[in-house]
C-alpha atoms as a PDB file:
ATOM      1  CA  MET A   1     -74.269 213.312 113.780  1.00  0.00           C
ATOM      2  CA  LYS A   2     -74.554 216.436 111.735  1.00  0.00           C
ATOM      3  CA  GLY A   3     -72.181 219.348 112.104  1.00  0.00           C
ATOM      4  CA  TRP A   4     -73.040 223.008 111.952  1.00  0.00           C
ATOM      5  CA  PRO A   5     -76.207 223.909 109.997  1.00  0.00           C
ATOM      6  CA  THR A   6     -75.363 223.579 106.287  1.00  0.00           C
ATOM      7  CA  ARG A   7     -71.847 222.578 107.420  1.00  0.00           C
ATOM      8  CA  ILE A   8     -71.101 226.064 108.606  1.00  0.00           C
ATOM      9  CA  THR A   9     -68.807 224.893 111.364  1.00  0.00           C
ATOM     10  CA  VAL A  10     -67.555 226.629 114.465  1.00  0.00           C
ATOM     11  CA  LEU A  11     -64.539 228.186 112.844  1.00  0.00           C
ATOM     12  CA  SER A  12     -65.862 230.866 110.521  1.00  0.00           C
ATOM     13  CA  ALA A  13     -63.085 233.438 111.267  1.00  0.00           C
ATOM     14  CA  ALA A  14     -62.810 237.190 111.274  1.00  0.00           C
ATOM     15  CA  ALA A  15     -65.690 237.896 108.994  1.00  0.00           C
ATOM     16  CA  GLY A  16     -65.312 241.635 109.097  1.00  0.00           C
ATOM     17  CA  ALA A  17     -61.598 241.800 108.293  1.00  0.00           C
ATOM     18  CA  ALA A  18     -60.641 243.836 105.224  1.00  0.00           C
ATOM     19  CA  ALA A  19     -58.707 242.062 102.486  1.00  0.00           C
ATOM     20  CA  ALA A  20     -56.057 243.522 100.274  1.00  0.00           C
ATOM     21  CA  LEU A  21     -55.975 240.389  98.171  1.00  0.00           C
ATOM     22  CA  ALA A  22     -59.511 240.761  96.786  1.00  0.00           C
ATOM     23  CA  PRO A  23     -61.619 243.583  95.343  1.00  0.00           C
ATOM     24  CA  SER A  24     -64.016 245.290  97.696  1.00  0.00           C
ATOM     25  CA  ALA A  25     -66.857 242.824  98.136  1.00  0.00           C
ATOM     26  CA  GLY A  26     -69.442 245.515  98.578  1.00  0.00           C
ATOM     27  CA  ALA A  27     -68.492 247.161  95.271  1.00  0.00           C
ATOM     28  CA  ALA A  28     -68.584 243.957  93.209  1.00  0.00           C
ATOM     29  CA  PRO A  29     -71.577 243.692  90.852  1.00  0.00           C
ATOM     30  CA  ALA A  30     -73.730 240.590  91.047  1.00  0.00           C
ATOM     31  CA  ASP A  31     -72.484 239.357  87.640  1.00  0.00           C
ATOM     32  CA  ASP A  32     -68.780 239.906  88.380  1.00  0.00           C
ATOM     33  CA  PRO A  33     -67.114 236.880  86.717  1.00  0.00           C
ATOM     34  CA  GLU A  34     -64.555 236.721  89.532  1.00  0.00           C
ATOM     35  CA  ARG A  35     -67.246 236.596  92.211  1.00  0.00           C
ATOM     36  CA  PRO A  36     -68.164 233.106  93.456  1.00  0.00           C
ATOM     37  CA  SER A  37     -71.452 231.760  92.121  1.00  0.00           C
ATOM     38  CA  LYS A  38     -74.089 230.474  94.511  1.00  0.00           C
ATOM     39  CA  ALA A  39     -72.524 227.057  94.235  1.00  0.00           C
ATOM     40  CA  GLY A  40     -69.137 228.720  94.539  1.00  0.00           C
ATOM     41  CA  VAL A  41     -70.168 230.377  97.821  1.00  0.00           C
ATOM     42  CA  ALA A  42     -71.076 226.966  99.224  1.00  0.00           C
ATOM     43  CA  ASP A  43     -67.699 225.658  98.111  1.00  0.00           C
ATOM     44  CA  VAL A  44     -65.934 228.601  99.751  1.00  0.00           C
ATOM     45  CA  ASN A  45     -67.794 227.912 102.993  1.00  0.00           C
ATOM     46  CA  THR A  46     -66.895 224.232 102.875  1.00  0.00           C
ATOM     47  CA  ARG A  47     -63.233 224.988 102.241  1.00  0.00           C
ATOM     48  CA  VAL A  48     -63.175 227.616 104.985  1.00  0.00           C
ATOM     49  CA  ASP A  49     -64.791 225.150 107.405  1.00  0.00           C
ATOM     50  CA  LYS A  50     -62.103 222.590 106.626  1.00  0.00           C
ATOM     51  CA  LEU A  51     -59.263 225.081 106.945  1.00  0.00           C
ATOM     52  CA  PHE A  52     -60.458 226.319 110.303  1.00  0.00           C
ATOM     53  CA  GLU A  53     -60.983 222.780 111.545  1.00  0.00           C
ATOM     54  CA  GLN A  54     -57.386 222.026 110.566  1.00  0.00           C
ATOM     55  CA  ALA A  55     -56.209 225.262 112.151  1.00  0.00           C
ATOM     56  CA  GLU A  56     -57.904 224.403 115.425  1.00  0.00           C
ATOM     57  CA  GLY A  57     -56.332 220.951 115.430  1.00  0.00           C
ATOM     58  CA  ALA A  58     -52.954 222.572 114.807  1.00  0.00           C
ATOM     59  CA  THR A  59     -53.648 225.064 117.597  1.00  0.00           C
ATOM     60  CA  GLU A  60     -54.224 222.277 120.108  1.00  0.00           C
ATOM     61  CA  LYS A  61     -50.964 220.630 119.002  1.00  0.00           C
ATOM     62  CA  TYR A  62     -49.279 223.988 119.486  1.00  0.00           C
ATOM     63  CA  ASN A  63     -50.788 224.250 122.972  1.00  0.00           C
ATOM     64  CA  ALA A  64     -49.519 220.791 123.894  1.00  0.00           C
ATOM     65  CA  THR A  65     -46.025 221.612 122.665  1.00  0.00           C
ATOM     66  CA  ALA A  66     -46.077 224.975 124.423  1.00  0.00           C
ATOM     67  CA  GLU A  67     -47.059 223.273 127.689  1.00  0.00           C
ATOM     68  CA  ARG A  68     -44.265 220.718 127.302  1.00  0.00           C
ATOM     69  CA  THR A  69     -41.793 223.462 126.394  1.00  0.00           C
ATOM     70  CA  GLY A  70     -42.696 225.400 129.523  1.00  0.00           C
ATOM     71  CA  LYS A  71     -42.175 222.345 131.715  1.00  0.00           C
ATOM     72  CA  LEU A  72     -38.851 221.595 130.023  1.00  0.00           C
ATOM     73  CA  ARG A  73     -37.728 225.177 130.587  1.00  0.00           C
ATOM     74  CA  GLU A  74     -38.493 224.828 134.311  1.00  0.00           C
ATOM     75  CA  GLN A  75     -36.612 221.519 134.441  1.00  0.00           C
ATOM     76  CA  VAL A  76     -33.599 223.044 132.670  1.00  0.00           C
ATOM     77  CA  GLU A  77     -33.501 225.851 135.213  1.00  0.00           C
ATOM     78  CA  GLN A  78     -33.689 223.359 138.092  1.00  0.00           C
ATOM     79  CA  VAL A  79     -30.911 221.161 136.665  1.00  0.00           C
ATOM     80  CA  GLN A  80     -28.731 224.178 135.964  1.00  0.00           C
ATOM     81  CA  ASP A  81     -29.220 225.279 139.569  1.00  0.00           C
ATOM     82  CA  ARG A  82     -28.179 221.813 140.790  1.00  0.00           C
ATOM     83  CA  VAL A  83     -25.120 221.938 138.518  1.00  0.00           C
ATOM     84  CA  ALA A  84     -24.105 225.312 139.963  1.00  0.00           C
ATOM     85  CA  ARG A  85     -24.543 224.050 143.524  1.00  0.00           C
ATOM     86  CA  GLY A  86     -22.671 220.848 142.672  1.00  0.00           C
ATOM     87  CA  GLN A  87     -19.786 222.817 141.202  1.00  0.00           C
ATOM     88  CA  GLY A  88     -19.623 224.910 144.346  1.00  0.00           C
ATOM     89  CA  LYS A  89     -19.508 221.773 146.477  1.00  0.00           C
ATOM     90  CA  VAL A  90     -16.696 220.300 144.348  1.00  0.00           C
ATOM     91  CA  ASN A  91     -14.729 223.538 144.618  1.00  0.00           C
ATOM     92  CA  ARG A  92     -15.047 223.585 148.415  1.00  0.00           C
ATOM     93  CA  MET A  93     -13.968 219.957 148.683  1.00  0.00           C
ATOM     94  CA  ARG A  94     -10.944 220.607 146.489  1.00  0.00           C
ATOM     95  CA  ASP A  95      -9.940 223.527 148.697  1.00  0.00           C
ATOM     96  CA  ALA A  96     -10.238 221.357 151.807  1.00  0.00           C
ATOM     97  CA  LEU A  97      -8.148 218.611 150.245  1.00  0.00           C
ATOM     98  CA  SER A  98      -5.511 221.102 149.188  1.00  0.00           C
ATOM     99  CA  ALA A  99      -5.253 222.340 152.771  1.00  0.00           C
ATOM    100  CA  LEU A 100      -4.884 218.789 154.088  1.00  0.00           C
ATOM    101  CA  ALA A 101      -2.240 217.924 151.504  1.00  0.00           C
ATOM    102  CA  GLY A 102      -0.283 221.055 152.337  1.00  0.00           C
ATOM    103  CA  ALA A 103      -0.327 220.231 156.057  1.00  0.00           C
ATOM    104  CA  GLN A 104       0.849 216.712 155.364  1.00  0.00           C
ATOM    105  CA  TYR A 105       3.655 217.917 153.125  1.00  0.00           C
ATOM    106  CA  ARG A 106       4.861 220.440 155.711  1.00  0.00           C
ATOM    107  CA  SER A 107       5.116 217.691 158.317  1.00  0.00           C
ATOM    108  CA  GLY A 108       8.141 216.348 156.467  1.00  0.00           C
ATOM    109  CA  GLY A 109       8.985 213.975 153.695  1.00  0.00           C
ATOM    110  CA  ILE A 110      11.462 211.671 155.573  1.00  0.00           C
ATOM    111  CA  ASP A 111      10.573 208.038 156.014  1.00  0.00           C
ATOM    112  CA  PRO A 112       8.697 207.684 159.352  1.00  0.00           C
ATOM    113  CA  THR A 113      11.073 204.908 160.603  1.00  0.00           C
ATOM    114  CA  VAL A 114      14.155 207.056 159.994  1.00  0.00           C
ATOM    115  CA  GLN A 115      12.462 210.011 161.712  1.00  0.00           C
ATOM    116  CA  LEU A 116      11.754 207.853 164.761  1.00  0.00           C
ATOM    117  CA  MET A 117      15.390 206.709 164.962  1.00  0.00           C
ATOM    118  CA  LEU A 118      16.727 210.264 164.770  1.00  0.00           C
ATOM    119  CA  THR A 119      14.226 212.010 166.985  1.00  0.00           C
ATOM    120  CA  GLU A 120      15.229 213.163 170.488  1.00  0.00           C
ATOM    121  CA  ASP A 121      11.604 212.854 171.605  1.00  0.00           C
ATOM    122  CA  PRO A 122      10.233 209.474 170.495  1.00  0.00           C
ATOM    123  CA  ASP A 123       7.021 209.883 172.467  1.00  0.00           C
ATOM    124  CA  GLY A 124       6.330 213.255 170.873  1.00  0.00           C
ATOM    125  CA  TYR A 125       7.081 211.881 167.445  1.00  0.00           C
ATOM    126  CA  LEU A 126       4.648 208.989 167.910  1.00  0.00           C
ATOM    127  CA  ASP A 127       1.921 211.442 168.895  1.00  0.00           C
ATOM    128  CA  LYS A 128       2.627 213.429 165.721  1.00  0.00           C
ATOM    129  CA  ALA A 129       2.673 210.255 163.618  1.00  0.00           C
ATOM    130  CA  ALA A 130      -0.742 209.243 164.925  1.00  0.00           C
ATOM    131  CA  THR A 131      -2.049 212.684 164.044  1.00  0.00           C
ATOM    132  CA  LEU A 132      -0.587 212.443 160.556  1.00  0.00           C
ATOM    133  CA  ASP A 133      -2.160 209.028 160.126  1.00  0.00           C
ATOM    134  CA  ARG A 134      -5.540 210.465 161.037  1.00  0.00           C
ATOM    135  CA  ILE A 135      -4.959 213.311 158.560  1.00  0.00           C
ATOM    136  CA  SER A 136      -4.083 210.784 155.864  1.00  0.00           C
ATOM    137  CA  SER A 137      -7.228 208.757 156.575  1.00  0.00           C
ATOM    138  CA  ARG A 138      -9.330 211.901 156.494  1.00  0.00           C
ATOM    139  CA  GLN A 139      -7.683 212.965 153.246  1.00  0.00           C
ATOM    140  CA  LEU A 140      -8.537 209.590 151.697  1.00  0.00           C
ATOM    141  CA  LEU A 141     -12.161 209.904 152.831  1.00  0.00           C
ATOM    142  CA  GLU A 142     -12.425 213.441 151.468  1.00  0.00           C
ATOM    143  CA  LEU A 143     -10.851 212.311 148.204  1.00  0.00           C
ATOM    144  CA  ARG A 144     -13.481 209.612 147.828  1.00  0.00           C
ATOM    145  CA  ARG A 145     -16.213 212.121 148.590  1.00  0.00           C
ATOM    146  CA  LEU A 146     -14.753 214.476 146.013  1.00  0.00           C
ATOM    147  CA  GLN A 147     -14.708 211.736 143.394  1.00  0.00           C
ATOM    148  CA  SER A 148     -18.355 210.937 144.161  1.00  0.00           C
ATOM    149  CA  ALA A 149     -19.302 214.621 143.938  1.00  0.00           C
ATOM    150  CA  GLN A 150     -17.494 214.897 140.607  1.00  0.00           C
ATOM    151  CA  ARG A 151     -19.410 211.901 139.242  1.00  0.00           C
ATOM    152  CA  ASP A 152     -22.694 213.461 140.376  1.00  0.00           C
ATOM    153  CA  LEU A 153     -21.715 216.754 138.780  1.00  0.00           C
ATOM    154  CA  LYS A 154     -20.903 215.022 135.498  1.00  0.00           C
ATOM    155  CA  GLN A 155     -24.318 213.313 135.487  1.00  0.00           C
ATOM    156  CA  GLN A 156     -26.047 216.608 136.237  1.00  0.00           C
ATOM    157  CA  ARG A 157     -24.203 218.306 133.400  1.00  0.00           C
ATOM    158  CA  GLU A 158     -25.208 215.514 131.008  1.00  0.00           C
ATOM    159  CA  GLN A 159     -28.809 215.772 132.195  1.00  0.00           C
ATOM    160  CA  ALA A 160     -28.744 219.538 131.703  1.00  0.00           C
ATOM    161  CA  ALA A 161     -27.343 219.133 128.185  1.00  0.00           C
ATOM    162  CA  GLU A 162     -30.028 216.561 127.332  1.00  0.00           C
ATOM    163  CA  LYS A 163     -32.858 218.762 128.602  1.00  0.00           C
ATOM    164  CA  LEU A 164     -31.434 221.793 126.819  1.00  0.00           C
ATOM    165  CA  ALA A 165     -31.387 219.824 123.575  1.00  0.00           C
ATOM    166  CA  GLY A 166     -34.988 218.758 124.188  1.00  0.00           C
ATOM    167  CA  LEU A 167     -35.973 222.343 124.876  1.00  0.00           C
ATOM    168  CA  GLU A 168     -34.382 223.472 121.611  1.00  0.00           C
ATOM    169  CA  ARG A 169     -36.238 220.733 119.692  1.00  0.00           C
ATOM    170  CA  HIS A 170     -39.562 221.695 121.236  1.00  0.00           C
ATOM    171  CA  THR A 171     -38.917 225.374 120.554  1.00  0.00           C
ATOM    172  CA  ARG A 172     -38.315 224.613 116.873  1.00  0.00           C
ATOM    173  CA  LYS A 173     -41.432 222.441 116.808  1.00  0.00           C
ATOM    174  CA  LEU A 174     -43.419 225.234 118.409  1.00  0.00           C
ATOM    175  CA  LYS A 175     -42.350 227.691 115.712  1.00  0.00           C
ATOM    176  CA  GLY A 176     -43.297 225.223 112.979  1.00  0.00           C
ATOM    177  CA  GLN A 177     -46.734 224.631 114.476  1.00  0.00           C
ATOM    178  CA  LYS A 178     -47.257 228.378 114.771  1.00  0.00           C
ATOM    179  CA  ARG A 179     -46.495 228.778 111.071  1.00  0.00           C
ATOM    180  CA  THR A 180     -48.957 225.992 110.255  1.00  0.00           C
ATOM    181  CA  VAL A 181     -51.754 227.676 112.200  1.00  0.00           C
ATOM    182  CA  GLN A 182     -51.030 231.040 110.629  1.00  0.00           C
ATOM    183  CA  ARG A 183     -50.932 229.517 107.141  1.00  0.00           C
ATOM    184  CA  LYS A 184     -54.324 227.821 107.608  1.00  0.00           C
ATOM    185  CA  LEU A 185     -55.890 230.960 109.050  1.00  0.00           C
ATOM    186  CA  GLY A 186     -54.468 233.090 106.245  1.00  0.00           C
ATOM    187  CA  ALA A 187     -55.812 230.761 103.553  1.00  0.00           C
ATOM    188  CA  ALA A 188     -59.253 230.752 105.164  1.00  0.00           C
ATOM    189  CA  GLN A 189     -59.291 234.520 105.408  1.00  0.00           C
ATOM    190  CA  ARG A 190     -58.391 234.894 101.741  1.00  0.00           C
ATOM    191  CA  LEU A 191     -61.345 232.670 100.868  1.00  0.00           C
ATOM    192  CA  LEU A 192     -63.657 234.660 103.131  1.00  0.00           C
ATOM    193  CA  ASN A 193     -62.513 237.828 101.437  1.00  0.00           C
ATOM    194  CA  GLN A 194     -64.151 236.561  98.247  1.00  0.00           C
ATOM    195  CA  LEU A 195     -67.581 236.814  99.879  1.00  0.00           C
ATOM    196  CA  THR A 196     -69.686 239.937 100.001  1.00  0.00           C
ATOM    197  CA  PRO A 197     -70.576 241.437 103.396  1.00  0.00           C
ATOM    198  CA  LYS A 198     -74.083 240.009 102.961  1.00  0.00           C
ATOM    199  CA  GLU A 199     -72.731 236.519 102.276  1.00  0.00           C
ATOM    200  CA  ARG A 200     -70.414 236.721 105.267  1.00  0.00           C
ATOM    201  CA  ALA A 201     -73.300 237.858 107.454  1.00  0.00           C
ATOM    202  CA  GLU A 202     -75.426 234.952 106.212  1.00  0.00           C
ATOM    203  CA  ARG A 203     -72.576 232.603 106.948  1.00  0.00           C
ATOM    204  CA  GLU A 204     -72.293 233.945 110.481  1.00  0.00           C
ATOM    205  CA  ARG A 205     -76.034 233.693 111.105  1.00  0.00           C
ATOM    206  CA  ALA A 206     -76.077 230.118 109.825  1.00  0.00           C
ATOM    207  CA  ALA A 207     -73.073 229.252 111.988  1.00  0.00           C
ATOM    208  CA  ARG A 208     -74.668 230.710 115.093  1.00  0.00           C
ATOM    209  CA  GLY A 209     -78.285 229.809 114.520  1.00  0.00           C
ATOM    210  CA  GLY A 210     -79.374 233.250 115.650  1.00  0.00           C
ATOM    211  CA  ASP A 211     -78.223 235.734 118.262  1.00  0.00           C
ATOM    212  CA  ARG A 212     -76.891 233.896 121.287  1.00  0.00           C
ATOM    213  CA  ASP A 213     -74.513 236.478 122.699  1.00  0.00           C
ATOM    214  CA  LYS A 214     -76.864 236.782 125.637  1.00  0.00           C
ATOM    215  CA  ALA A 215     -77.550 234.071 128.171  1.00  0.00           C
ATOM    216  CA  PRO A 216     -79.787 231.367 126.648  1.00  0.00           C
ATOM    217  CA  GLN A 217     -83.387 230.956 127.637  1.00  0.00           C
ATOM    218  CA  GLY A 218     -83.539 227.237 126.867  1.00  0.00           C
ATOM    219  CA  GLY A 219     -83.681 224.863 123.930  1.00  0.00           C
ATOM    220  CA  GLY A 220     -80.503 223.892 122.098  1.00  0.00           C
ATOM    221  CA  GLN A 221     -79.443 220.930 120.051  1.00  0.00           C
ATOM    222  CA  GLY A 222     -78.259 217.469 120.799  1.00  0.00           C
ATOM    223  CA  ALA A 223     -75.187 215.618 119.692  1.00  0.00           C
ATOM    224  CA  ASP A 224     -76.918 214.592 116.482  1.00  0.00           C
ATOM    225  CA  GLY A 225     -77.475 218.245 115.583  1.00  0.00           C
ATOM    226  CA  GLU A 226     -81.208 218.032 116.248  1.00  0.00           C
ATOM    227  CA  ALA A 227     -83.059 219.915 118.942  1.00  0.00           C
ATOM    228  CA  GLY A 228     -83.469 218.123 122.202  1.00  0.00           C
ATOM    229  CA  GLY A 229     -80.413 215.837 121.934  1.00  0.00           C
ATOM    230  CA  SER A 230     -79.570 216.611 125.569  1.00  0.00           C
ATOM    231  CA  SER A 231     -82.335 216.003 128.070  1.00  0.00           C
ATOM    232  CA  ASP A 232     -80.446 218.215 130.539  1.00  0.00           C
ATOM    233  CA  THR A 233     -81.419 215.984 133.440  1.00  0.00           C
ATOM    234  CA  GLY A 234     -78.829 217.717 135.590  1.00  0.00           C
ATOM    235  CA  SER A 235     -80.105 221.277 135.858  1.00  0.00           C
ATOM    236  CA  SER A 236     -77.584 222.059 138.572  1.00  0.00           C
ATOM    237  CA  ALA A 237     -73.823 221.704 138.525  1.00  0.00           C
ATOM    238  CA  ALA A 238     -72.273 218.403 139.533  1.00  0.00           C
ATOM    239  CA  SER A 239     -70.170 220.066 142.227  1.00  0.00           C
ATOM    240  CA  GLY A 240     -69.285 223.402 143.770  1.00  0.00           C
ATOM    241  CA  ARG A 241     -66.145 223.662 141.665  1.00  0.00           C
ATOM    242  CA  ALA A 242     -68.172 222.915 138.512  1.00  0.00           C
ATOM    243  CA  ALA A 243     -70.583 225.720 139.404  1.00  0.00           C
ATOM    244  CA  ALA A 244     -67.635 228.059 139.991  1.00  0.00           C
ATOM    245  CA  ALA A 245     -66.127 227.093 136.630  1.00  0.00           C
ATOM    246  CA  VAL A 246     -69.410 227.791 134.848  1.00  0.00           C
ATOM    247  CA  ALA A 247     -69.685 231.173 136.569  1.00  0.00           C
ATOM    248  CA  ALA A 248     -66.124 232.013 135.507  1.00  0.00           C
ATOM    249  CA  ALA A 249     -66.798 231.032 131.884  1.00  0.00           C
ATOM    250  CA  LYS A 250     -69.984 233.089 131.805  1.00  0.00           C
ATOM    251  CA  SER A 251     -68.134 236.088 133.220  1.00  0.00           C
ATOM    252  CA  VAL A 252     -65.884 236.328 130.149  1.00  0.00           C
ATOM    253  CA  VAL A 253     -68.572 235.963 127.475  1.00  0.00           C
ATOM    254  CA  GLY A 254     -67.781 238.634 124.906  1.00  0.00           C
ATOM    255  CA  ARG A 255     -64.001 238.498 125.258  1.00  0.00           C
ATOM    256  CA  PRO A 256     -62.079 237.746 122.056  1.00  0.00           C
ATOM    257  CA  TYR A 257     -60.757 234.476 120.744  1.00  0.00           C
ATOM    258  CA  SER A 258     -57.001 234.373 120.292  1.00  0.00           C
ATOM    259  CA  TRP A 259     -55.269 231.136 119.400  1.00  0.00           C
ATOM    260  CA  GLY A 260     -52.812 229.965 122.048  1.00  0.00           C
ATOM    261  CA  ALA A 261     -54.360 232.274 124.684  1.00  0.00           C
ATOM    262  CA  ALA A 262     -55.549 231.115 128.101  1.00  0.00           C
ATOM    263  CA  GLY A 263     -57.003 234.330 129.543  1.00  0.00           C
ATOM    264  CA  PRO A 264     -57.941 236.416 131.181  1.00  0.00           C
ATOM    265  CA  SER A 265     -58.224 238.955 128.347  1.00  0.00           C
ATOM    266  CA  ALA A 266     -58.449 236.475 125.436  1.00  0.00           C
ATOM    267  CA  PHE A 267     -58.880 232.719 124.984  1.00  0.00           C
ATOM    268  CA  ASP A 268     -58.735 229.808 122.632  1.00  0.00           C
ATOM    269  CA  CYS A 269     -61.144 226.939 123.255  1.00  0.00           C
ATOM    270  CA  SER A 270     -59.121 224.851 125.711  1.00  0.00           C
ATOM    271  CA  GLY A 271     -57.567 227.963 127.202  1.00  0.00           C
ATOM    272  CA  LEU A 272     -61.048 229.119 128.240  1.00  0.00           C
ATOM    273  CA  THR A 273     -62.034 225.853 129.899  1.00  0.00           C
ATOM    274  CA  GLN A 274     -58.678 225.494 131.647  1.00  0.00           C
ATOM    275  CA  TRP A 275     -58.884 229.089 132.900  1.00  0.00           C
ATOM    276  CA  ALA A 276     -62.490 228.639 134.079  1.00  0.00           C
ATOM    277  CA  TYR A 277     -61.619 225.571 136.134  1.00  0.00           C
ATOM    278  CA  GLY A 278     -58.486 227.321 137.367  1.00  0.00           C
ATOM    279  CA  GLN A 279     -60.731 230.033 138.800  1.00  0.00           C
ATOM    280  CA  ALA A 280     -62.534 227.238 140.630  1.00  0.00           C
ATOM    281  CA  GLY A 281     -59.253 226.012 142.115  1.00  0.00           C
ATOM    282  CA  THR A 282     -59.057 222.932 139.888  1.00  0.00           C
ATOM    283  CA  SER A 283     -56.213 222.145 137.496  1.00  0.00           C
ATOM    284  CA  ILE A 284     -57.088 220.483 134.181  1.00  0.00           C
ATOM    285  CA  PRO A 285     -54.867 219.835 131.134  1.00  0.00           C
ATOM    286  CA  ARG A 286     -54.118 222.607 128.652  1.00  0.00           C
ATOM    287  CA  THR A 287     -55.352 220.849 125.506  1.00  0.00           C
ATOM    288  CA  SER A 288     -58.831 219.751 124.471  1.00  0.00           C
ATOM    289  CA  GLN A 289     -57.480 216.221 123.939  1.00  0.00           C
ATOM    290  CA  GLY A 290     -56.153 216.171 127.491  1.00  0.00           C
ATOM    291  CA  GLN A 291     -59.408 217.587 128.835  1.00  0.00           C
ATOM    292  CA  ARG A 292     -61.424 214.821 127.149  1.00  0.00           C
ATOM    293  CA  THR A 293     -59.858 212.301 129.554  1.00  0.00           C
ATOM    294  CA  ALA A 294     -59.579 214.592 132.595  1.00  0.00           C
ATOM    295  CA  GLY A 295     -62.383 213.013 134.573  1.00  0.00           C
ATOM    296  CA  GLN A 296     -65.431 210.785 134.390  1.00  0.00           C
ATOM    297  CA  GLN A 297     -67.088 210.520 130.988  1.00  0.00           C
ATOM    298  CA  VAL A 298     -70.875 210.648 130.978  1.00  0.00           C
ATOM    299  CA  PRO A 299     -73.533 210.390 128.233  1.00  0.00           C
ATOM    300  CA  LEU A 300     -74.586 213.665 126.665  1.00  0.00           C
ATOM    301  CA  SER A 301     -78.112 212.997 127.921  1.00  0.00           C
ATOM    302  CA  GLN A 302     -76.747 213.204 131.492  1.00  0.00           C
ATOM    303  CA  ALA A 303     -74.667 216.341 130.991  1.00  0.00           C
ATOM    304  CA  GLN A 304     -74.627 218.778 133.893  1.00  0.00           C
ATOM    305  CA  PRO A 305     -73.364 222.376 134.077  1.00  0.00           C
ATOM    306  CA  GLY A 306     -69.588 222.355 134.356  1.00  0.00           C
ATOM    307  CA  ASP A 307     -69.076 219.270 132.216  1.00  0.00           C
ATOM    308  CA  LEU A 308     -66.524 219.613 129.424  1.00  0.00           C
ATOM    309  CA  VAL A 309     -67.872 218.876 125.950  1.00  0.00           C
ATOM    310  CA  THR A 310     -65.215 217.956 123.383  1.00  0.00           C
ATOM    311  CA  TYR A 311     -65.934 217.837 119.674  1.00  0.00           C
ATOM    312  CA  ARG A 312     -64.860 215.904 116.569  1.00  0.00           C
ATOM    313  CA  ASP A 313     -63.115 212.547 116.524  1.00  0.00           C
ATOM    314  CA  ASP A 314     -59.789 214.187 117.327  1.00  0.00           C
ATOM    315  CA  ALA A 315     -61.264 216.213 120.235  1.00  0.00           C
ATOM    316  CA  SER A 316     -59.873 219.378 118.658  1.00  0.00           C
ATOM    317  CA  HIS A 317     -62.513 221.676 120.178  1.00  0.00           C
ATOM    318  CA  VAL A 318     -63.988 221.989 123.663  1.00  0.00           C
ATOM    319  CA  GLY A 319     -66.609 224.020 125.494  1.00  0.00           C
ATOM    320  CA  ILE A 320     -68.114 224.051 128.975  1.00  0.00           C
ATOM    321  CA  TYR A 321     -71.705 222.933 129.380  1.00  0.00           C
ATOM    322  CA  THR A 322     -73.909 225.540 131.063  1.00  0.00           C
ATOM    323  CA  GLY A 323     -77.279 223.786 131.017  1.00  0.00           C
ATOM    324  CA  ASN A 324     -80.365 224.164 128.825  1.00  0.00           C
ATOM    325  CA  GLY A 325     -78.598 222.474 125.909  1.00  0.00           C
ATOM    326  CA  GLN A 326     -75.930 225.178 125.683  1.00  0.00           C
ATOM    327  CA  VAL A 327     -72.170 225.489 125.998  1.00  0.00           C
ATOM    328  CA  VAL A 328     -69.943 228.509 126.470  1.00  0.00           C
ATOM    329  CA  HIS A 329     -66.869 228.320 124.266  1.00  0.00           C
ATOM    330  CA  ALA A 330     -64.231 230.344 122.430  1.00  0.00           C
ATOM    331  CA  PRO A 331     -65.149 229.532 118.822  1.00  0.00           C
ATOM    332  CA  TYR A 332     -62.589 230.849 116.323  1.00  0.00           C
ATOM    333  CA  PRO A 333     -60.370 233.816 115.389  1.00  0.00           C
ATOM    334  CA  GLY A 334     -62.325 237.025 115.026  1.00  0.00           C
ATOM    335  CA  ALA A 335     -65.170 235.813 117.237  1.00  0.00           C
ATOM    336  CA  GLN A 336     -65.862 236.263 120.920  1.00  0.00           C
ATOM    337  CA  VAL A 337     -66.491 233.864 123.781  1.00  0.00           C
ATOM    338  CA  ARG A 338     -70.185 233.021 123.486  1.00  0.00           C
ATOM    339  CA  TYR A 339     -73.076 230.599 123.977  1.00  0.00           C
ATOM    340  CA  ASP A 340     -73.849 227.993 121.312  1.00  0.00           C
ATOM    341  CA  PRO A 341     -75.929 224.789 121.155  1.00  0.00           C
ATOM    342  CA  VAL A 342     -74.207 221.749 122.618  1.00  0.00           C
ATOM    343  CA  GLY A 343     -74.860 219.922 119.339  1.00  0.00           C
ATOM    344  CA  MET A 344     -73.192 222.574 117.161  1.00  0.00           C
ATOM    345  CA  MET A 345     -70.893 219.850 115.780  1.00  0.00           C
ATOM    346  CA  PRO A 346     -70.194 216.167 116.411  1.00  0.00           C
ATOM    347  CA  VAL A 347     -69.605 215.517 120.105  1.00  0.00           C
ATOM    348  CA  SER A 348     -66.564 213.436 120.966  1.00  0.00           C
ATOM    349  CA  ALA A 349     -67.126 213.122 124.721  1.00  0.00           C
ATOM    350  CA  VAL A 350     -68.692 214.722 127.775  1.00  0.00           C
ATOM    351  CA  THR A 351     -66.265 214.746 130.693  1.00  0.00           C
ATOM    352  CA  ARG A 352     -66.925 215.632 134.319  1.00  0.00           C
ATOM    353  CA  PRO A 353     -63.640 216.835 135.944  1.00  0.00           C
END
């Protein structure tokens, strides 16, 4: 399968951004020795494509870690709440035991046999002794319960400490992945800044294959990059929720890409598809890799509106099929949610949630 036309892949980045690290592209003469040659422009495009592909893979790893971090944070809060409740229970049991011990102590410390011999009311003493025996038995039971509660509390504290440590590890990992994404995006932007406005515009046109900001009228490409790769046998959505997800995705065409975002004002690729299905009342995983296996896989030739189309061997990009050989997706930083051909790059899988 071929990728984007002339390997201008999906991630072409903020083409219009100004760059302080390079001279003004528009002012550079054609024979500027620091300007890329024609072959150099192709090399810049290839390197940018690779950097943005790597950045998108790193973004999906970031999304997975962020999702795990969020779940760990919820678990930590739950365990900490159980620890607090367990400590309260232990405190109440200690208070009750203290009261029982005090009552037993105040009953007297003389040997029960001696007390019976000296008492003027043996029957009354025996009644008291039976009561004290019951108090002692109850105290023993409460002591055992306290010991059990203390063991539970210790386990909960250990669990809380373990989850807190895990949360700290994931938080550090998250920061590292964020730096990786930013480094890749920065390097790509510096390369793009070497191109003239005309070259950047040509790059964008090649990447998009024309103006597809508006709803498509038909056509498109297949998984092999050639027109007609999807027969689009399913002109209607596979289910009501799929139709609702497609409608949601279409409703945000034109909103900006932002890595790590899951709507409603901005999206990355898997954030868009997750949000769209969320609007349809269906939960799907946060990452494109998770979405690849989030349902029944079907051949591209049998794709129906609402199917998730993942791309590349590592499933690092995803869009939602809308019919007529088109997907809606959030392509790359600096771009907007838009329509593109389903065969814009190598298809990894078509999944029907």
